[in-house]
Amino acid sequence: MPRPIVYLFLLALAGCAALSERDADRERTEAVADHAACIEDAHAFPSEDYTTCRRRIAEERQRKQWMELSLAQQQQGSRTPDYLPTPPPGVYTPLDPSRYRCESTGDPAAPVIQCRER
């Protein structure tokens, strides 16, 4: 393989790794903030009230992101091209309470409670 192609491949790979790390950092930061908000509301992990609190916060965040994407697409006046991996937002689908779970992850001394629909 010619060297320029190898360098381009390595550069793209490094970019993907940086994006993945940034996404993980964002998820971790959100999880810590969401945990603090639910603890402040007197909900302790792993209670059902805690999971409901975390789901409510995640639902608000997801709905806001959906609304922003919908608005952006309306302003563009076009639909997302077929070649893009994510479909345009159609009807909003809320999180399913029966599939939403929270679990403790990370270092046992300083765990992070991650919650998501499974």
N, C-alpha and C. Protein backbone atom coordinates (compact mmCIF):
# COMPACT_ATOMS: atom_id res chain seq x y z
N MET A 1 0.85 -1.17 0.00
CA MET A 1 0.00 0.00 0.00
C MET A 1 0.90 1.24 0.00
N PRO A 2 0.62 2.19 -0.86
CA PRO A 2 1.44 3.40 -0.89
C PRO A 2 1.35 4.15 0.45
N ARG A 3 2.44 4.78 0.81
CA ARG A 3 2.50 5.48 2.09
C ARG A 3 1.44 6.55 2.29
N PRO A 4 1.12 7.39 1.31
CA PRO A 4 0.10 8.42 1.55
C PRO A 4 -1.25 7.81 1.95
N ILE A 5 -1.60 6.68 1.36
CA ILE A 5 -2.87 6.03 1.69
C ILE A 5 -2.82 5.52 3.13
N VAL A 6 -1.68 4.97 3.52
CA VAL A 6 -1.53 4.48 4.89
C VAL A 6 -1.67 5.64 5.87
N TYR A 7 -1.05 6.77 5.57
CA TYR A 7 -1.14 7.93 6.45
C TYR A 7 -2.57 8.45 6.55
N LEU A 8 -3.26 8.48 5.41
CA LEU A 8 -4.66 8.92 5.42
C LEU A 8 -5.52 7.97 6.25
N PHE A 9 -5.27 6.68 6.11
CA PHE A 9 -6.02 5.69 6.88
C PHE A 9 -5.77 5.88 8.37
N LEU A 10 -4.53 6.05 8.76
CA LEU A 10 -4.19 6.24 10.17
C LEU A 10 -4.78 7.54 10.72
N LEU A 11 -4.78 8.57 9.91
CA LEU A 11 -5.37 9.85 10.32
C LEU A 11 -6.87 9.70 10.53
N ALA A 12 -7.54 9.01 9.64
CA ALA A 12 -8.99 8.79 9.78
C ALA A 12 -9.27 7.94 11.02
N LEU A 13 -8.46 6.94 11.25
CA LEU A 13 -8.63 6.08 12.42
C LEU A 13 -8.44 6.87 13.71
N ALA A 14 -7.47 7.75 13.75
CA ALA A 14 -7.25 8.59 14.92
C ALA A 14 -8.42 9.54 15.14
N GLY A 15 -8.96 10.06 14.06
CA GLY A 15 -10.13 10.94 14.17
C GLY A 15 -11.33 10.22 14.75
N CYS A 16 -11.56 8.99 14.32
CA CYS A 16 -12.67 8.19 14.84
C CYS A 16 -12.46 7.90 16.33
N ALA A 17 -11.24 7.59 16.71
CA ALA A 17 -10.95 7.32 18.12
C ALA A 17 -11.19 8.56 18.97
N ALA A 18 -10.83 9.72 18.45
CA ALA A 18 -11.04 10.96 19.20
C ALA A 18 -12.53 11.25 19.36
N LEU A 19 -13.32 10.98 18.32
CA LEU A 19 -14.77 11.18 18.41
C LEU A 19 -15.38 10.21 19.42
N SER A 20 -14.95 8.97 19.39
CA SER A 20 -15.47 7.97 20.34
C SER A 20 -15.14 8.37 21.77
N GLU A 21 -13.93 8.84 21.99
CA GLU A 21 -13.52 9.26 23.32
C GLU A 21 -14.33 10.48 23.77
N ARG A 22 -14.57 11.40 22.85
CA ARG A 22 -15.35 12.59 23.19
C ARG A 22 -16.79 12.20 23.51
N ASP A 23 -17.36 11.26 22.76
CA ASP A 23 -18.72 10.78 23.04
C ASP A 23 -18.77 10.11 24.41
N ALA A 24 -17.77 9.30 24.73
CA ALA A 24 -17.73 8.62 26.02
C ALA A 24 -17.61 9.64 27.16
N ASP A 25 -16.79 10.67 26.96
CA ASP A 25 -16.66 11.72 27.98
C ASP A 25 -17.98 12.46 28.18
N ARG A 26 -18.67 12.75 27.07
CA ARG A 26 -19.95 13.45 27.15
C ARG A 26 -20.97 12.57 27.90
N GLU A 27 -21.03 11.29 27.57
CA GLU A 27 -21.96 10.38 28.25
C GLU A 27 -21.65 10.29 29.74
N ARG A 28 -20.37 10.22 30.07
CA ARG A 28 -19.96 10.13 31.47
C ARG A 28 -20.35 11.41 32.23
N THR A 29 -20.11 12.56 31.61
CA THR A 29 -20.46 13.85 32.23
C THR A 29 -21.97 13.95 32.43
N GLU A 30 -22.74 13.56 31.41
CA GLU A 30 -24.19 13.58 31.53
C GLU A 30 -24.66 12.63 32.63
N ALA A 31 -24.06 11.45 32.70
CA ALA A 31 -24.46 10.47 33.71
C ALA A 31 -24.21 11.00 35.12
N VAL A 32 -23.09 11.63 35.33
CA VAL A 32 -22.76 12.19 36.65
C VAL A 32 -23.75 13.31 37.01
N ALA A 33 -24.04 14.19 36.05
CA ALA A 33 -24.98 15.29 36.30
C ALA A 33 -26.40 14.76 36.54
N ASP A 34 -26.81 13.76 35.76
CA ASP A 34 -28.15 13.19 35.93
C ASP A 34 -28.26 12.48 37.27
N HIS A 35 -27.20 11.78 37.65
CA HIS A 35 -27.18 11.10 38.95
C HIS A 35 -27.34 12.11 40.07
N ALA A 36 -26.58 13.20 40.00
CA ALA A 36 -26.65 14.23 41.04
C ALA A 36 -28.06 14.83 41.13
N ALA A 37 -28.70 15.05 39.98
CA ALA A 37 -30.05 15.61 39.97
C ALA A 37 -31.04 14.66 40.63
N CYS A 38 -30.91 13.37 40.37
CA CYS A 38 -31.84 12.40 40.97
C CYS A 38 -31.57 12.22 42.46
N ILE A 39 -30.32 12.25 42.86
CA ILE A 39 -29.99 12.17 44.29
C ILE A 39 -30.54 13.40 45.00
N GLU A 40 -30.42 14.56 44.37
CA GLU A 40 -30.95 15.80 44.95
C GLU A 40 -32.47 15.71 45.13
N ASP A 41 -33.13 14.98 44.25
CA ASP A 41 -34.58 14.78 44.36
C ASP A 41 -34.94 13.64 45.31
N ALA A 42 -33.95 13.15 46.05
CA ALA A 42 -34.12 12.10 47.07
C ALA A 42 -34.44 10.73 46.48
N HIS A 43 -33.84 10.41 45.34
CA HIS A 43 -33.99 9.08 44.75
C HIS A 43 -32.64 8.38 44.83
N ALA A 44 -32.61 7.21 45.43
CA ALA A 44 -31.35 6.48 45.61
C ALA A 44 -31.26 5.32 44.62
N PHE A 45 -30.08 5.14 44.05
CA PHE A 45 -29.82 4.00 43.17
C PHE A 45 -29.76 2.76 44.04
N PRO A 46 -30.35 1.66 43.68
CA PRO A 46 -31.00 1.24 42.45
C PRO A 46 -32.53 1.21 42.51
N SER A 47 -33.16 2.11 43.19
CA SER A 47 -34.62 2.09 43.32
C SER A 47 -35.32 2.37 41.99
N GLU A 48 -36.58 1.96 41.93
CA GLU A 48 -37.40 2.21 40.73
C GLU A 48 -37.60 3.71 40.53
N ASP A 49 -37.72 4.47 41.63
CA ASP A 49 -37.87 5.93 41.53
C ASP A 49 -36.62 6.56 40.90
N TYR A 50 -35.46 6.03 41.25
CA TYR A 50 -34.21 6.54 40.68
C TYR A 50 -34.20 6.30 39.17
N THR A 51 -34.55 5.08 38.75
CA THR A 51 -34.57 4.76 37.33
C THR A 51 -35.58 5.63 36.59
N THR A 52 -36.72 5.86 37.19
CA THR A 52 -37.73 6.72 36.58
C THR A 52 -37.21 8.16 36.45
N CYS A 53 -36.53 8.64 37.46
CA CYS A 53 -35.94 9.98 37.42
C CYS A 53 -34.92 10.08 36.29
N ARG A 54 -34.04 9.10 36.18
CA ARG A 54 -33.01 9.12 35.13
C ARG A 54 -33.65 9.01 33.75
N ARG A 55 -34.70 8.20 33.62
CA ARG A 55 -35.40 8.07 32.34
C ARG A 55 -36.06 9.39 31.96
N ARG A 56 -36.65 10.08 32.92
CA ARG A 56 -37.29 11.37 32.65
C ARG A 56 -36.26 12.38 32.12
N ILE A 57 -35.09 12.42 32.75
CA ILE A 57 -34.03 13.35 32.32
C ILE A 57 -33.53 12.98 30.91
N ALA A 58 -33.32 11.67 30.69
CA ALA A 58 -32.86 11.22 29.37
C ALA A 58 -33.92 11.51 28.31
N GLU A 59 -35.17 11.33 28.67
CA GLU A 59 -36.28 11.60 27.76
C GLU A 59 -36.30 13.08 27.36
N GLU A 60 -36.12 13.96 28.32
CA GLU A 60 -36.09 15.40 28.03
C GLU A 60 -34.94 15.73 27.08
N ARG A 61 -33.77 15.15 27.33
CA ARG A 61 -32.60 15.41 26.50
C ARG A 61 -32.83 14.87 25.08
N GLN A 62 -33.36 13.65 24.98
CA GLN A 62 -33.61 13.03 23.69
C GLN A 62 -34.66 13.83 22.89
N ARG A 63 -35.73 14.27 23.56
CA ARG A 63 -36.78 15.04 22.88
C ARG A 63 -36.21 16.37 22.38
N LYS A 64 -35.37 17.01 23.18
CA LYS A 64 -34.76 18.28 22.77
C LYS A 64 -33.89 18.08 21.53
N GLN A 65 -33.08 17.01 21.52
CA GLN A 65 -32.22 16.73 20.37
C GLN A 65 -33.06 16.44 19.13
N TRP A 66 -34.16 15.69 19.30
CA TRP A 66 -35.04 15.39 18.19
C TRP A 66 -35.66 16.67 17.63
N MET A 67 -36.12 17.55 18.53
CA MET A 67 -36.73 18.81 18.08
C MET A 67 -35.72 19.68 17.34
N GLU A 68 -34.48 19.74 17.83
CA GLU A 68 -33.45 20.54 17.17
C GLU A 68 -33.14 19.99 15.78
N LEU A 69 -33.06 18.66 15.66
CA LEU A 69 -32.80 18.05 14.36
C LEU A 69 -33.97 18.28 13.40
N SER A 70 -35.18 18.15 13.90
CA SER A 70 -36.36 18.40 13.07
C SER A 70 -36.38 19.84 12.57
N LEU A 71 -36.09 20.78 13.45
CA LEU A 71 -36.07 22.18 13.07
C LEU A 71 -34.98 22.45 12.03
N ALA A 72 -33.81 21.88 12.24
CA ALA A 72 -32.72 22.08 11.29
C ALA A 72 -33.10 21.54 9.91
N GLN A 73 -33.75 20.40 9.87
CA GLN A 73 -34.15 19.83 8.58
C GLN A 73 -35.25 20.67 7.93
N GLN A 74 -36.15 21.22 8.72
CA GLN A 74 -37.18 22.09 8.16
C GLN A 74 -36.56 23.35 7.57
N GLN A 75 -35.56 23.88 8.25
CA GLN A 75 -34.89 25.09 7.76
C GLN A 75 -34.12 24.82 6.48
N GLN A 76 -33.60 23.60 6.34
CA GLN A 76 -32.87 23.24 5.12
C GLN A 76 -33.83 23.04 3.96
N GLY A 77 -35.07 22.69 4.29
CA GLY A 77 -36.06 22.50 3.25
C GLY A 77 -35.88 21.22 2.47
N SER A 78 -35.12 20.28 3.02
CA SER A 78 -34.94 19.01 2.32
C SER A 78 -34.82 17.88 3.33
N ARG A 79 -34.99 16.69 2.82
CA ARG A 79 -34.85 15.51 3.66
C ARG A 79 -33.39 15.05 3.67
N THR A 80 -33.07 14.22 4.65
CA THR A 80 -31.72 13.66 4.73
C THR A 80 -31.48 12.75 3.53
N PRO A 81 -30.37 12.89 2.84
CA PRO A 81 -30.09 12.02 1.69
C PRO A 81 -30.07 10.55 2.09
N ASP A 82 -30.41 9.69 1.13
CA ASP A 82 -30.49 8.25 1.38
C ASP A 82 -29.16 7.64 1.82
N TYR A 83 -28.06 8.24 1.42
CA TYR A 83 -26.76 7.65 1.72
C TYR A 83 -26.30 7.91 3.16
N LEU A 84 -26.99 8.77 3.90
CA LEU A 84 -26.60 9.00 5.29
C LEU A 84 -27.12 7.87 6.17
N PRO A 85 -26.37 7.48 7.21
CA PRO A 85 -26.74 6.32 8.02
C PRO A 85 -27.95 6.52 8.92
N THR A 86 -28.28 7.75 9.28
CA THR A 86 -29.41 7.96 10.18
C THR A 86 -30.59 8.52 9.41
N PRO A 87 -31.77 7.94 9.63
CA PRO A 87 -32.94 8.45 8.92
C PRO A 87 -33.37 9.79 9.49
N PRO A 88 -34.12 10.56 8.73
CA PRO A 88 -34.60 11.83 9.26
C PRO A 88 -35.58 11.56 10.39
N PRO A 89 -35.69 12.51 11.30
CA PRO A 89 -36.61 12.27 12.40
C PRO A 89 -38.04 12.30 11.89
N GLY A 90 -38.77 11.27 12.21
CA GLY A 90 -40.18 11.23 11.84
C GLY A 90 -40.98 11.54 13.08
N VAL A 91 -41.77 10.59 13.47
CA VAL A 91 -42.56 10.74 14.68
C VAL A 91 -41.65 10.45 15.88
N TYR A 92 -41.75 11.29 16.88
CA TYR A 92 -40.90 11.10 18.06
C TYR A 92 -41.30 9.82 18.79
N THR A 93 -40.32 9.03 19.17
CA THR A 93 -40.55 7.79 19.91
C THR A 93 -39.94 7.93 21.30
N PRO A 94 -40.77 7.96 22.34
CA PRO A 94 -40.24 8.09 23.70
C PRO A 94 -39.52 6.81 24.13
N LEU A 95 -38.74 6.94 25.18
CA LEU A 95 -38.05 5.78 25.74
C LEU A 95 -39.07 4.80 26.31
N ASP A 96 -38.77 3.52 26.20
CA ASP A 96 -39.66 2.47 26.69
C ASP A 96 -39.32 2.18 28.15
N PRO A 97 -40.23 2.50 29.10
CA PRO A 97 -39.93 2.28 30.52
C PRO A 97 -39.60 0.82 30.85
N SER A 98 -40.19 -0.12 30.12
CA SER A 98 -39.94 -1.54 30.42
C SER A 98 -38.55 -1.99 29.97
N ARG A 99 -37.90 -1.22 29.12
CA ARG A 99 -36.56 -1.58 28.62
C ARG A 99 -35.47 -0.66 29.13
N TYR A 100 -35.82 0.32 29.96
CA TYR A 100 -34.84 1.29 30.46
C TYR A 100 -34.21 0.77 31.74
N ARG A 101 -32.89 0.66 31.75
CA ARG A 101 -32.16 0.09 32.89
C ARG A 101 -30.99 0.97 33.29
N CYS A 102 -30.65 0.93 34.57
CA CYS A 102 -29.48 1.63 35.10
C CYS A 102 -28.53 0.61 35.70
N GLU A 103 -27.24 0.84 35.54
CA GLU A 103 -26.24 -0.04 36.15
C GLU A 103 -25.00 0.76 36.52
N SER A 104 -24.34 0.28 37.54
CA SER A 104 -23.12 0.91 38.01
C SER A 104 -21.95 0.41 37.17
N THR A 105 -21.16 1.35 36.66
CA THR A 105 -20.01 0.99 35.84
C THR A 105 -18.78 1.73 36.33
N GLY A 106 -17.63 1.30 35.86
CA GLY A 106 -16.39 2.00 36.20
C GLY A 106 -15.78 1.52 37.50
N ASP A 107 -14.97 2.35 38.08
CA ASP A 107 -14.22 2.07 39.29
C ASP A 107 -15.18 1.92 40.47
N PRO A 108 -15.11 0.80 41.21
CA PRO A 108 -15.99 0.62 42.37
C PRO A 108 -15.86 1.72 43.42
N ALA A 109 -14.70 2.34 43.52
CA ALA A 109 -14.50 3.42 44.49
C ALA A 109 -15.22 4.69 44.07
N ALA A 110 -15.37 4.88 42.76
CA ALA A 110 -16.08 6.07 42.23
C ALA A 110 -16.92 5.63 41.03
N PRO A 111 -17.98 4.87 41.28
CA PRO A 111 -18.76 4.34 40.16
C PRO A 111 -19.55 5.42 39.43
N VAL A 112 -19.86 5.14 38.19
CA VAL A 112 -20.72 6.00 37.38
C VAL A 112 -21.95 5.17 37.08
N ILE A 113 -23.13 5.72 37.33
CA ILE A 113 -24.37 5.02 37.07
C ILE A 113 -24.80 5.34 35.64
N GLN A 114 -24.68 4.36 34.75
CA GLN A 114 -25.07 4.54 33.35
C GLN A 114 -26.48 3.99 33.18
N CYS A 115 -27.34 4.74 32.51
CA CYS A 115 -28.71 4.32 32.25
C CYS A 115 -28.99 4.44 30.77
N ARG A 116 -29.69 3.43 30.23
CA ARG A 116 -30.06 3.47 28.81
C ARG A 116 -31.14 2.43 28.52
N GLU A 117 -31.74 2.61 27.38
CA GLU A 117 -32.74 1.65 26.93
C GLU A 117 -32.01 0.43 26.39
N ARG A 118 -32.39 -0.74 26.80
CA ARG A 118 -31.72 -1.97 26.37
C ARG A 118 -32.63 -2.82 25.53
